């Protein structure tokens, strides 16, 4: 069984996040907790993301709270890439392969691992972006370009947002400039 873990410190909001990656049933499970302050309101979000052996998202759960608001998100993805959010089909993200949790750096790992880019290669993807704090799904076009052994140039919103991400050998983002920095990882 393959296991890796990471602890991030948020640079843009006061808080931390811890995550563990396990190989389970010929696939991958990312399970973690983000604890942070959003607009002076305490927030705790637990998540679990299930991927197949090729790093295609199969399902995800996000549970917790933001101040007095309870959060209970259940996402199911069919083999045909149809997405359901709390039982309701979301055609706006049909065809997406990757889930992107807006509140976390963890989901950058999914395309990094799935694409397995060679240095200098780039790929376009369309992620199902779970917005925070609305928790609605929307399609988000993204590009990943591998710059060197551990650096990926990430661009979204048609190049309006660009960041050079440092990644661990396991694929966790260890430095997301201005947003997240790993404090410990295995």
N, C-alpha and C. Protein backbone atom coordinates (compact mmCIF):
# COMPACT_ATOMS: atom_id res chain seq x y z
N UNK A 1 0.84 -1.19 0.00
CA UNK A 1 0.00 0.00 0.00
C UNK A 1 0.89 1.24 0.00
N UNK A 2 0.62 2.16 -0.91
CA UNK A 2 1.35 3.41 -1.00
C UNK A 2 0.65 4.46 -0.16
N UNK A 3 1.40 5.14 0.68
CA UNK A 3 0.84 6.20 1.51
C UNK A 3 1.78 7.40 1.52
N UNK A 4 1.22 8.59 1.32
CA UNK A 4 1.96 9.84 1.45
C UNK A 4 1.06 10.80 2.20
N UNK A 5 1.67 11.81 2.84
CA UNK A 5 0.86 12.81 3.55
C UNK A 5 1.55 14.16 3.47
N UNK A 6 0.76 15.20 3.76
CA UNK A 6 1.28 16.57 3.68
C UNK A 6 0.52 17.47 4.65
N UNK A 7 1.21 18.50 5.13
CA UNK A 7 0.62 19.56 5.94
C UNK A 7 0.95 20.87 5.25
N UNK A 8 -0.10 21.63 4.90
CA UNK A 8 0.09 22.95 4.28
C UNK A 8 -0.27 24.05 5.26
N UNK A 9 0.39 25.19 5.10
CA UNK A 9 0.01 26.44 5.78
C UNK A 9 -0.54 27.36 4.71
N UNK A 10 -1.69 27.93 4.98
CA UNK A 10 -2.29 28.87 4.04
C UNK A 10 -1.57 30.21 4.16
N UNK A 11 -1.27 30.81 3.01
CA UNK A 11 -0.62 32.12 2.98
C UNK A 11 -1.61 33.25 2.72
N UNK A 12 -2.81 32.91 2.23
CA UNK A 12 -3.78 33.93 1.88
C UNK A 12 -4.93 34.05 2.89
N UNK A 13 -5.15 33.03 3.68
CA UNK A 13 -6.13 33.04 4.76
C UNK A 13 -5.48 32.37 5.96
N UNK A 14 -5.76 32.80 7.19
CA UNK A 14 -5.18 32.10 8.33
C UNK A 14 -5.70 30.66 8.40
N UNK A 15 -4.79 29.69 8.36
CA UNK A 15 -5.24 28.32 8.47
C UNK A 15 -4.23 27.30 8.00
N UNK A 16 -4.63 26.04 8.12
CA UNK A 16 -3.81 24.89 7.73
C UNK A 16 -4.70 23.85 7.06
N UNK A 17 -4.02 22.93 6.39
CA UNK A 17 -4.70 21.78 5.79
C UNK A 17 -3.75 20.59 5.86
N UNK A 18 -4.30 19.44 6.17
CA UNK A 18 -3.53 18.19 6.17
C UNK A 18 -4.25 17.20 5.28
N UNK A 19 -3.45 16.41 4.55
CA UNK A 19 -4.03 15.43 3.63
C UNK A 19 -3.19 14.18 3.60
N UNK A 20 -3.86 13.08 3.35
CA UNK A 20 -3.19 11.78 3.22
C UNK A 20 -3.63 11.15 1.90
N UNK A 21 -2.68 10.58 1.19
CA UNK A 21 -2.93 9.86 -0.06
C UNK A 21 -2.69 8.38 0.20
N UNK A 22 -3.67 7.56 -0.17
CA UNK A 22 -3.54 6.11 -0.03
C UNK A 22 -3.91 5.43 -1.34
N UNK A 23 -3.20 4.36 -1.68
CA UNK A 23 -3.63 3.51 -2.79
C UNK A 23 -4.61 2.50 -2.21
N UNK A 24 -5.83 2.47 -2.79
CA UNK A 24 -6.90 1.64 -2.26
C UNK A 24 -7.67 1.02 -3.43
N UNK A 25 -7.87 -0.29 -3.39
CA UNK A 25 -8.70 -0.98 -4.39
C UNK A 25 -8.38 -0.56 -5.82
N UNK A 26 -7.13 -0.68 -6.23
CA UNK A 26 -6.68 -0.34 -7.58
C UNK A 26 -7.01 1.11 -7.94
N UNK A 27 -6.97 1.97 -6.96
CA UNK A 27 -7.21 3.39 -7.19
C UNK A 27 -6.52 4.21 -6.13
N UNK A 28 -6.94 5.46 -5.99
CA UNK A 28 -6.32 6.41 -5.08
C UNK A 28 -7.39 7.13 -4.27
N UNK A 29 -7.10 7.36 -3.00
CA UNK A 29 -7.99 8.13 -2.14
C UNK A 29 -7.18 9.23 -1.47
N UNK A 30 -7.67 10.46 -1.62
CA UNK A 30 -7.12 11.62 -0.93
C UNK A 30 -8.10 11.99 0.18
N UNK A 31 -7.65 12.01 1.41
CA UNK A 31 -8.51 12.37 2.54
C UNK A 31 -7.82 13.43 3.36
N UNK A 32 -8.53 14.52 3.63
CA UNK A 32 -7.91 15.61 4.36
C UNK A 32 -8.89 16.50 5.06
N UNK A 33 -8.31 17.48 5.77
CA UNK A 33 -9.09 18.46 6.51
C UNK A 33 -8.43 19.82 6.35
N UNK A 34 -9.24 20.81 5.99
CA UNK A 34 -8.80 22.20 5.93
C UNK A 34 -9.48 22.96 7.07
N UNK A 35 -8.69 23.68 7.83
CA UNK A 35 -9.20 24.50 8.94
C UNK A 35 -8.65 25.89 8.72
N UNK A 36 -9.57 26.86 8.55
CA UNK A 36 -9.10 28.22 8.24
C UNK A 36 -10.16 29.24 8.62
N UNK A 37 -9.78 30.50 8.53
CA UNK A 37 -10.69 31.60 8.78
C UNK A 37 -11.04 32.24 7.45
N UNK A 38 -12.34 32.41 7.20
CA UNK A 38 -12.80 33.06 5.99
C UNK A 38 -13.69 34.24 6.40
N UNK A 39 -13.27 35.44 6.07
CA UNK A 39 -13.98 36.66 6.46
C UNK A 39 -14.29 36.66 7.95
N UNK A 40 -13.27 36.36 8.75
CA UNK A 40 -13.35 36.30 10.21
C UNK A 40 -14.35 35.26 10.72
N UNK A 41 -14.63 34.25 9.89
CA UNK A 41 -15.51 33.17 10.31
C UNK A 41 -14.72 31.86 10.29
N UNK A 42 -14.78 31.07 11.38
CA UNK A 42 -14.07 29.81 11.38
C UNK A 42 -14.69 28.81 10.40
N UNK A 43 -13.83 28.03 9.77
CA UNK A 43 -14.29 27.06 8.78
C UNK A 43 -13.50 25.76 8.96
N UNK A 44 -14.21 24.66 8.87
CA UNK A 44 -13.59 23.33 8.88
C UNK A 44 -14.24 22.51 7.78
N UNK A 45 -13.41 22.01 6.86
CA UNK A 45 -13.92 21.20 5.76
C UNK A 45 -13.11 19.91 5.67
N UNK A 46 -13.79 18.79 5.82
CA UNK A 46 -13.20 17.47 5.63
C UNK A 46 -13.54 17.02 4.22
N UNK A 47 -12.59 16.39 3.54
CA UNK A 47 -12.88 15.92 2.18
C UNK A 47 -12.29 14.53 1.97
N UNK A 48 -12.89 13.83 1.02
CA UNK A 48 -12.36 12.56 0.55
C UNK A 48 -12.63 12.49 -0.94
N UNK A 49 -11.59 12.26 -1.71
CA UNK A 49 -11.68 12.18 -3.17
C UNK A 49 -11.21 10.80 -3.60
N UNK A 50 -12.04 10.12 -4.36
CA UNK A 50 -11.73 8.78 -4.85
C UNK A 50 -11.44 8.85 -6.34
N UNK A 51 -10.29 8.32 -6.75
CA UNK A 51 -9.89 8.29 -8.16
C UNK A 51 -9.58 6.86 -8.57
N UNK A 52 -9.75 6.56 -9.85
CA UNK A 52 -9.35 5.25 -10.34
C UNK A 52 -7.83 5.19 -10.49
N UNK A 53 -7.31 4.09 -10.99
CA UNK A 53 -5.86 3.92 -11.09
C UNK A 53 -5.20 4.92 -12.05
N UNK A 54 -5.98 5.50 -12.96
CA UNK A 54 -5.46 6.50 -13.90
C UNK A 54 -5.68 7.93 -13.43
N UNK A 55 -6.08 8.11 -12.19
CA UNK A 55 -6.30 9.43 -11.57
C UNK A 55 -7.52 10.16 -12.11
N UNK A 56 -8.51 9.43 -12.61
CA UNK A 56 -9.78 10.01 -13.01
C UNK A 56 -10.69 10.07 -11.79
N UNK A 57 -11.28 11.22 -11.52
CA UNK A 57 -12.15 11.38 -10.36
C UNK A 57 -13.39 10.50 -10.51
N UNK A 58 -13.68 9.71 -9.46
CA UNK A 58 -14.90 8.88 -9.43
C UNK A 58 -15.95 9.45 -8.48
N UNK A 59 -15.48 10.00 -7.36
CA UNK A 59 -16.42 10.56 -6.38
C UNK A 59 -15.66 11.46 -5.41
N UNK A 60 -16.43 12.27 -4.70
CA UNK A 60 -15.84 13.13 -3.67
C UNK A 60 -16.91 13.49 -2.65
N UNK A 61 -16.45 13.72 -1.44
CA UNK A 61 -17.32 14.20 -0.37
C UNK A 61 -16.61 15.36 0.31
N UNK A 62 -17.36 16.38 0.63
CA UNK A 62 -16.87 17.50 1.43
C UNK A 62 -17.90 17.73 2.52
N UNK A 63 -17.47 17.64 3.76
CA UNK A 63 -18.36 17.84 4.91
C UNK A 63 -17.69 18.74 5.92
N UNK A 64 -18.50 19.53 6.61
CA UNK A 64 -17.97 20.40 7.65
C UNK A 64 -18.87 21.58 7.88
N UNK A 65 -18.24 22.74 8.12
CA UNK A 65 -19.02 23.93 8.41
C UNK A 65 -18.22 25.18 8.13
N UNK A 66 -18.97 26.22 7.83
CA UNK A 66 -18.45 27.58 7.69
C UNK A 66 -19.31 28.43 8.61
N UNK A 67 -18.73 28.82 9.75
CA UNK A 67 -19.46 29.53 10.80
C UNK A 67 -20.66 28.69 11.22
N UNK A 68 -21.88 29.19 11.03
CA UNK A 68 -23.06 28.43 11.45
C UNK A 68 -23.70 27.63 10.31
N UNK A 69 -23.06 27.64 9.14
CA UNK A 69 -23.60 26.94 7.97
C UNK A 69 -22.97 25.55 7.84
N UNK A 70 -23.79 24.51 7.83
CA UNK A 70 -23.30 23.16 7.63
C UNK A 70 -23.04 22.92 6.15
N UNK A 71 -22.00 22.16 5.86
CA UNK A 71 -21.63 21.83 4.49
C UNK A 71 -21.68 20.31 4.34
N UNK A 72 -22.43 19.83 3.34
CA UNK A 72 -22.53 18.40 3.06
C UNK A 72 -22.62 18.24 1.55
N UNK A 73 -21.49 17.92 0.93
CA UNK A 73 -21.38 17.81 -0.52
C UNK A 73 -21.06 16.36 -0.87
N UNK A 74 -21.82 15.82 -1.82
CA UNK A 74 -21.58 14.47 -2.31
C UNK A 74 -21.53 14.54 -3.84
N UNK A 75 -20.39 14.20 -4.41
CA UNK A 75 -20.19 14.26 -5.86
C UNK A 75 -19.96 12.85 -6.38
N UNK A 76 -20.68 12.49 -7.41
CA UNK A 76 -20.51 11.20 -8.09
C UNK A 76 -20.25 11.48 -9.56
N UNK A 77 -19.26 10.78 -10.13
CA UNK A 77 -18.93 10.93 -11.54
C UNK A 77 -19.10 9.57 -12.22
N UNK A 78 -19.91 9.53 -13.26
CA UNK A 78 -20.14 8.27 -13.97
C UNK A 78 -18.96 7.98 -14.90
N UNK A 79 -18.83 6.74 -15.36
CA UNK A 79 -17.77 6.41 -16.33
C UNK A 79 -17.88 7.24 -17.62
N UNK A 80 -19.07 7.77 -17.91
CA UNK A 80 -19.27 8.61 -19.10
C UNK A 80 -18.97 10.08 -18.81
N UNK A 81 -18.43 10.38 -17.61
CA UNK A 81 -18.04 11.72 -17.17
C UNK A 81 -19.24 12.64 -16.94
N UNK A 82 -20.37 12.05 -16.51
CA UNK A 82 -21.52 12.84 -16.08
C UNK A 82 -21.38 13.06 -14.57
N UNK A 83 -21.55 14.30 -14.13
CA UNK A 83 -21.34 14.67 -12.74
C UNK A 83 -22.67 14.91 -12.04
N UNK A 84 -22.75 14.43 -10.81
CA UNK A 84 -23.93 14.67 -9.97
C UNK A 84 -23.44 15.31 -8.66
N UNK A 85 -24.09 16.40 -8.28
CA UNK A 85 -23.79 17.10 -7.03
C UNK A 85 -25.00 16.95 -6.12
N UNK A 86 -24.83 16.23 -5.02
CA UNK A 86 -25.93 15.93 -4.09
C UNK A 86 -27.14 15.38 -4.83
N UNK A 87 -26.87 14.45 -5.75
CA UNK A 87 -27.92 13.73 -6.47
C UNK A 87 -28.47 14.44 -7.70
N UNK A 88 -28.04 15.67 -7.94
CA UNK A 88 -28.56 16.45 -9.07
C UNK A 88 -27.51 16.50 -10.18
N UNK A 89 -27.91 16.10 -11.40
CA UNK A 89 -26.99 16.11 -12.53
C UNK A 89 -26.55 17.54 -12.82
N UNK A 90 -25.25 17.70 -13.11
CA UNK A 90 -24.66 19.01 -13.40
C UNK A 90 -24.08 18.99 -14.82
N UNK A 91 -24.92 19.25 -15.84
CA UNK A 91 -24.46 19.18 -17.23
C UNK A 91 -23.39 20.20 -17.57
N UNK A 92 -23.29 21.29 -16.80
CA UNK A 92 -22.27 22.30 -17.07
C UNK A 92 -20.84 21.78 -16.88
N UNK A 93 -20.68 20.65 -16.20
CA UNK A 93 -19.35 20.07 -16.02
C UNK A 93 -19.23 18.69 -16.67
N UNK A 94 -20.20 18.33 -17.49
CA UNK A 94 -20.14 17.04 -18.19
C UNK A 94 -18.86 16.97 -19.01
N UNK A 95 -18.22 15.83 -18.97
CA UNK A 95 -16.97 15.63 -19.70
C UNK A 95 -15.72 15.95 -18.91
N UNK A 96 -15.85 16.66 -17.80
CA UNK A 96 -14.67 16.97 -16.98
C UNK A 96 -14.12 15.69 -16.37
N UNK A 97 -12.81 15.64 -16.24
CA UNK A 97 -12.16 14.48 -15.63
C UNK A 97 -11.76 14.77 -14.19
N UNK A 98 -11.22 15.98 -13.97
CA UNK A 98 -10.66 16.34 -12.67
C UNK A 98 -11.63 17.18 -11.85
N UNK A 99 -11.61 16.96 -10.54
CA UNK A 99 -12.28 17.82 -9.59
C UNK A 99 -11.27 18.85 -9.12
N UNK A 100 -11.68 20.09 -8.95
CA UNK A 100 -10.83 21.15 -8.40
C UNK A 100 -11.56 21.75 -7.21
N UNK A 101 -11.02 21.53 -6.01
CA UNK A 101 -11.58 22.13 -4.80
C UNK A 101 -11.01 23.53 -4.66
N UNK A 102 -11.84 24.54 -4.79
CA UNK A 102 -11.43 25.94 -4.76
C UNK A 102 -10.72 26.32 -3.46
N UNK A 103 -11.01 25.65 -2.37
CA UNK A 103 -10.44 26.01 -1.07
C UNK A 103 -9.14 25.28 -0.75
N UNK A 104 -8.63 24.44 -1.67
CA UNK A 104 -7.53 23.54 -1.35
C UNK A 104 -6.53 23.40 -2.49
N UNK A 105 -5.23 23.19 -2.17
CA UNK A 105 -4.26 22.88 -3.22
C UNK A 105 -4.21 21.41 -3.58
N UNK A 106 -4.94 20.56 -2.88
CA UNK A 106 -4.81 19.11 -3.06
C UNK A 106 -5.17 18.65 -4.46
N UNK A 107 -6.16 19.28 -5.07
CA UNK A 107 -6.65 18.75 -6.35
C UNK A 107 -5.76 19.10 -7.53
N UNK A 108 -4.75 19.95 -7.36
CA UNK A 108 -3.76 20.12 -8.43
C UNK A 108 -3.00 18.82 -8.65
N UNK A 109 -2.97 17.98 -7.63
CA UNK A 109 -2.30 16.69 -7.74
C UNK A 109 -2.94 15.80 -8.80
N UNK A 110 -4.26 15.89 -8.96
CA UNK A 110 -4.96 14.98 -9.87
C UNK A 110 -4.46 15.10 -11.31
N UNK A 111 -4.46 16.30 -11.94
CA UNK A 111 -3.91 16.36 -13.30
C UNK A 111 -2.40 16.17 -13.35
N UNK A 112 -1.69 16.60 -12.31
CA UNK A 112 -0.24 16.38 -12.30
C UNK A 112 0.06 14.89 -12.40
N UNK A 113 -0.62 14.08 -11.62
CA UNK A 113 -0.39 12.63 -11.65
C UNK A 113 -0.98 12.00 -12.91
N UNK A 114 -2.21 12.40 -13.28
CA UNK A 114 -2.89 11.78 -14.42
C UNK A 114 -2.16 12.06 -15.73
N UNK A 115 -1.73 13.30 -15.92
CA UNK A 115 -1.09 13.67 -17.19
C UNK A 115 0.33 13.14 -17.32
N UNK A 116 1.05 13.03 -16.19
CA UNK A 116 2.42 12.51 -16.18
C UNK A 116 3.25 13.15 -17.31
N UNK A 117 3.26 14.49 -17.33
CA UNK A 117 3.93 15.24 -18.39
C UNK A 117 5.44 15.08 -18.33
N UNK A 118 6.06 15.01 -19.50
CA UNK A 118 7.52 15.08 -19.59
C UNK A 118 7.92 16.55 -19.48
N UNK A 119 9.15 16.81 -19.09
CA UNK A 119 9.63 18.18 -18.99
C UNK A 119 9.47 18.86 -20.35
N UNK A 120 8.84 20.05 -20.34
CA UNK A 120 8.58 20.80 -21.56
C UNK A 120 7.20 20.55 -22.16
N UNK A 121 6.54 19.48 -21.76
CA UNK A 121 5.20 19.18 -22.28
C UNK A 121 4.13 20.00 -21.56
N UNK A 122 3.02 20.24 -22.26
CA UNK A 122 1.87 20.93 -21.69
C UNK A 122 0.60 20.21 -22.10
N UNK A 123 -0.44 20.40 -21.32
CA UNK A 123 -1.74 19.81 -21.64
C UNK A 123 -2.85 20.72 -21.13
N UNK A 124 -3.92 20.76 -21.91
CA UNK A 124 -5.13 21.50 -21.53
C UNK A 124 -6.09 20.51 -20.88
N UNK A 125 -6.73 20.94 -19.81
CA UNK A 125 -7.75 20.14 -19.14
C UNK A 125 -8.93 21.05 -18.81
N UNK A 126 -10.05 20.43 -18.54
CA UNK A 126 -11.23 21.17 -18.06
C UNK A 126 -11.64 20.50 -16.76
N UNK A 127 -11.56 21.24 -15.68
CA UNK A 127 -11.88 20.69 -14.36
C UNK A 127 -13.28 21.09 -13.94
N UNK A 128 -13.89 20.25 -13.12
CA UNK A 128 -15.13 20.59 -12.44
C UNK A 128 -14.73 21.30 -11.15
N UNK A 129 -14.92 22.61 -11.14
CA UNK A 129 -14.43 23.47 -10.06
C UNK A 129 -15.51 23.65 -9.01
N UNK A 130 -15.26 23.16 -7.80
CA UNK A 130 -16.19 23.34 -6.69
C UNK A 130 -15.84 24.66 -6.01
N UNK A 131 -16.64 25.68 -6.32
CA UNK A 131 -16.38 27.04 -5.84
C UNK A 131 -16.59 27.13 -4.33
N UNK A 132 -15.81 27.98 -3.72
CA UNK A 132 -15.96 28.28 -2.29
C UNK A 132 -16.26 29.77 -2.18
N UNK A 133 -17.24 30.20 -1.42
CA UNK A 133 -18.04 29.44 -0.46
C UNK A 133 -19.40 28.99 -0.98
N UNK A 134 -19.68 29.14 -2.28
CA UNK A 134 -21.00 28.77 -2.80
C UNK A 134 -21.20 27.27 -2.91
N UNK A 135 -20.10 26.51 -3.08
CA UNK A 135 -20.14 25.06 -3.27
C UNK A 135 -20.97 24.66 -4.48
N UNK A 136 -20.86 25.45 -5.54
CA UNK A 136 -21.46 25.13 -6.84
C UNK A 136 -20.35 24.62 -7.75
N UNK A 137 -20.71 23.76 -8.68
CA UNK A 137 -19.75 23.25 -9.66
C UNK A 137 -19.83 24.07 -10.94
N UNK A 138 -18.65 24.39 -11.49
CA UNK A 138 -18.60 25.03 -12.79
C UNK A 138 -17.36 24.53 -13.52
N UNK A 139 -17.39 24.59 -14.84
CA UNK A 139 -16.25 24.15 -15.64
C UNK A 139 -15.16 25.21 -15.58
N UNK A 140 -13.92 24.76 -15.42
CA UNK A 140 -12.77 25.67 -15.37
C UNK A 140 -11.67 25.13 -16.29
N UNK A 141 -11.48 25.75 -17.46
CA UNK A 141 -10.38 25.35 -18.34
C UNK A 141 -9.04 25.66 -17.67
N UNK A 142 -8.11 24.72 -17.77
CA UNK A 142 -6.80 24.86 -17.14
C UNK A 142 -5.72 24.35 -18.08
N UNK A 143 -4.50 24.81 -17.84
CA UNK A 143 -3.35 24.27 -18.55
C UNK A 143 -2.24 23.98 -17.54
N UNK A 144 -1.61 22.84 -17.72
CA UNK A 144 -0.44 22.46 -16.93
C UNK A 144 0.73 22.30 -17.89
N UNK A 145 1.85 22.93 -17.57
CA UNK A 145 3.08 22.81 -18.37
C UNK A 145 4.20 22.44 -17.39
N UNK A 146 4.87 21.34 -17.66
CA UNK A 146 5.96 20.92 -16.78
C UNK A 146 7.23 21.65 -17.18
N UNK A 147 7.77 22.44 -16.25
CA UNK A 147 8.95 23.25 -16.52
C UNK A 147 10.25 22.52 -16.20
N UNK A 148 10.25 21.75 -15.12
CA UNK A 148 11.43 20.96 -14.75
C UNK A 148 10.95 19.78 -13.90
N UNK A 149 11.85 19.11 -13.23
CA UNK A 149 11.51 17.89 -12.50
C UNK A 149 10.37 18.11 -11.51
N UNK A 150 10.32 19.28 -10.86
CA UNK A 150 9.31 19.48 -9.81
C UNK A 150 8.46 20.73 -9.99
N UNK A 151 8.55 21.43 -11.11
CA UNK A 151 7.81 22.68 -11.30
C UNK A 151 6.82 22.57 -12.46
N UNK A 152 5.60 23.02 -12.19
CA UNK A 152 4.53 23.01 -13.19
C UNK A 152 3.96 24.42 -13.29
N UNK A 153 3.85 24.94 -14.50
CA UNK A 153 3.16 26.22 -14.69
C UNK A 153 1.68 25.91 -14.86
N UNK A 154 0.90 26.46 -13.94
CA UNK A 154 -0.55 26.26 -13.94
C UNK A 154 -1.20 27.55 -14.42
N UNK A 155 -2.11 27.43 -15.36
CA UNK A 155 -2.86 28.59 -15.85
C UNK A 155 -4.33 28.23 -15.91
N UNK A 156 -5.18 29.18 -15.52
CA UNK A 156 -6.63 28.98 -15.61
C UNK A 156 -7.27 30.28 -16.06
N UNK A 157 -8.57 30.20 -16.31
CA UNK A 157 -9.34 31.36 -16.75
C UNK A 157 -8.69 32.01 -17.96
N UNK A 158 -8.33 31.16 -18.94
CA UNK A 158 -7.73 31.61 -20.20
C UNK A 158 -6.49 32.47 -19.97
N UNK A 159 -5.67 32.05 -19.00
CA UNK A 159 -4.41 32.73 -18.73
C UNK A 159 -4.51 33.92 -17.81
N UNK A 160 -5.70 34.21 -17.29
CA UNK A 160 -5.84 35.33 -16.36
C UNK A 160 -5.17 35.03 -15.02
N UNK A 161 -5.06 33.74 -14.69
CA UNK A 161 -4.36 33.34 -13.47
C UNK A 161 -3.24 32.39 -13.88
N UNK A 162 -2.01 32.69 -13.45
CA UNK A 162 -0.85 31.84 -13.75
C UNK A 162 0.00 31.73 -12.48
N UNK A 163 0.44 30.51 -12.17
CA UNK A 163 1.32 30.29 -11.02
C UNK A 163 2.26 29.13 -11.33
N UNK A 164 3.50 29.24 -10.90
CA UNK A 164 4.46 28.15 -11.01
C UNK A 164 4.42 27.35 -9.71
N UNK A 165 3.92 26.13 -9.80
CA UNK A 165 3.72 25.27 -8.66
C UNK A 165 4.89 24.32 -8.49
N UNK A 166 5.39 24.19 -7.28
CA UNK A 166 6.41 23.19 -6.96
C UNK A 166 5.67 21.96 -6.43
N UNK A 167 6.10 20.77 -6.86
CA UNK A 167 5.43 19.54 -6.45
C UNK A 167 6.43 18.55 -5.86
N UNK A 168 5.96 17.77 -4.90
CA UNK A 168 6.77 16.71 -4.30
C UNK A 168 6.85 15.53 -5.28
N UNK A 169 7.75 14.58 -5.05
CA UNK A 169 7.78 13.39 -5.91
C UNK A 169 6.45 12.63 -5.95
N UNK A 170 5.65 12.72 -4.88
CA UNK A 170 4.34 12.05 -4.85
C UNK A 170 3.30 12.81 -5.66
N UNK A 171 3.57 14.10 -5.97
CA UNK A 171 2.62 14.91 -6.74
C UNK A 171 1.88 15.97 -5.94
N UNK A 172 2.09 16.03 -4.62
CA UNK A 172 1.49 17.09 -3.82
C UNK A 172 2.15 18.42 -4.17
N UNK A 173 1.36 19.48 -4.30
CA UNK A 173 1.93 20.81 -4.48
C UNK A 173 2.53 21.23 -3.14
N UNK A 174 3.81 21.58 -3.16
CA UNK A 174 4.50 21.97 -1.92
C UNK A 174 4.65 23.48 -1.81
N UNK A 175 4.58 24.19 -2.94
CA UNK A 175 4.64 25.64 -2.93
C UNK A 175 3.72 26.17 -4.01
N UNK A 176 2.66 26.84 -3.57
CA UNK A 176 1.69 27.49 -4.46
C UNK A 176 1.82 28.97 -4.12
N UNK A 177 2.70 29.69 -4.84
CA UNK A 177 3.08 31.05 -4.44
C UNK A 177 1.89 31.95 -4.11
N UNK A 178 1.97 32.54 -2.92
CA UNK A 178 0.95 33.44 -2.45
C UNK A 178 -0.26 32.78 -1.82
N UNK A 179 -0.35 31.44 -1.93
CA UNK A 179 -1.54 30.75 -1.43
C UNK A 179 -1.24 29.65 -0.42
N UNK A 180 -0.30 28.73 -0.75
CA UNK A 180 -0.07 27.57 0.10
C UNK A 180 1.42 27.23 0.15
N UNK A 181 1.88 26.79 1.31
CA UNK A 181 3.25 26.33 1.46
C UNK A 181 3.25 25.09 2.34
N UNK A 182 3.92 24.04 1.88
CA UNK A 182 3.99 22.80 2.68
C UNK A 182 4.91 23.03 3.88
N UNK A 183 4.45 22.57 5.03
CA UNK A 183 5.28 22.61 6.24
C UNK A 183 5.92 21.26 6.51
N UNK A 184 5.31 20.19 6.02
CA UNK A 184 5.86 18.84 6.16
C UNK A 184 5.18 17.95 5.14
N UNK A 185 5.93 16.99 4.58
CA UNK A 185 5.32 16.01 3.66
C UNK A 185 6.18 14.76 3.59
N UNK A 186 5.51 13.66 3.23
CA UNK A 186 6.22 12.39 3.04
C UNK A 186 5.94 11.88 1.65
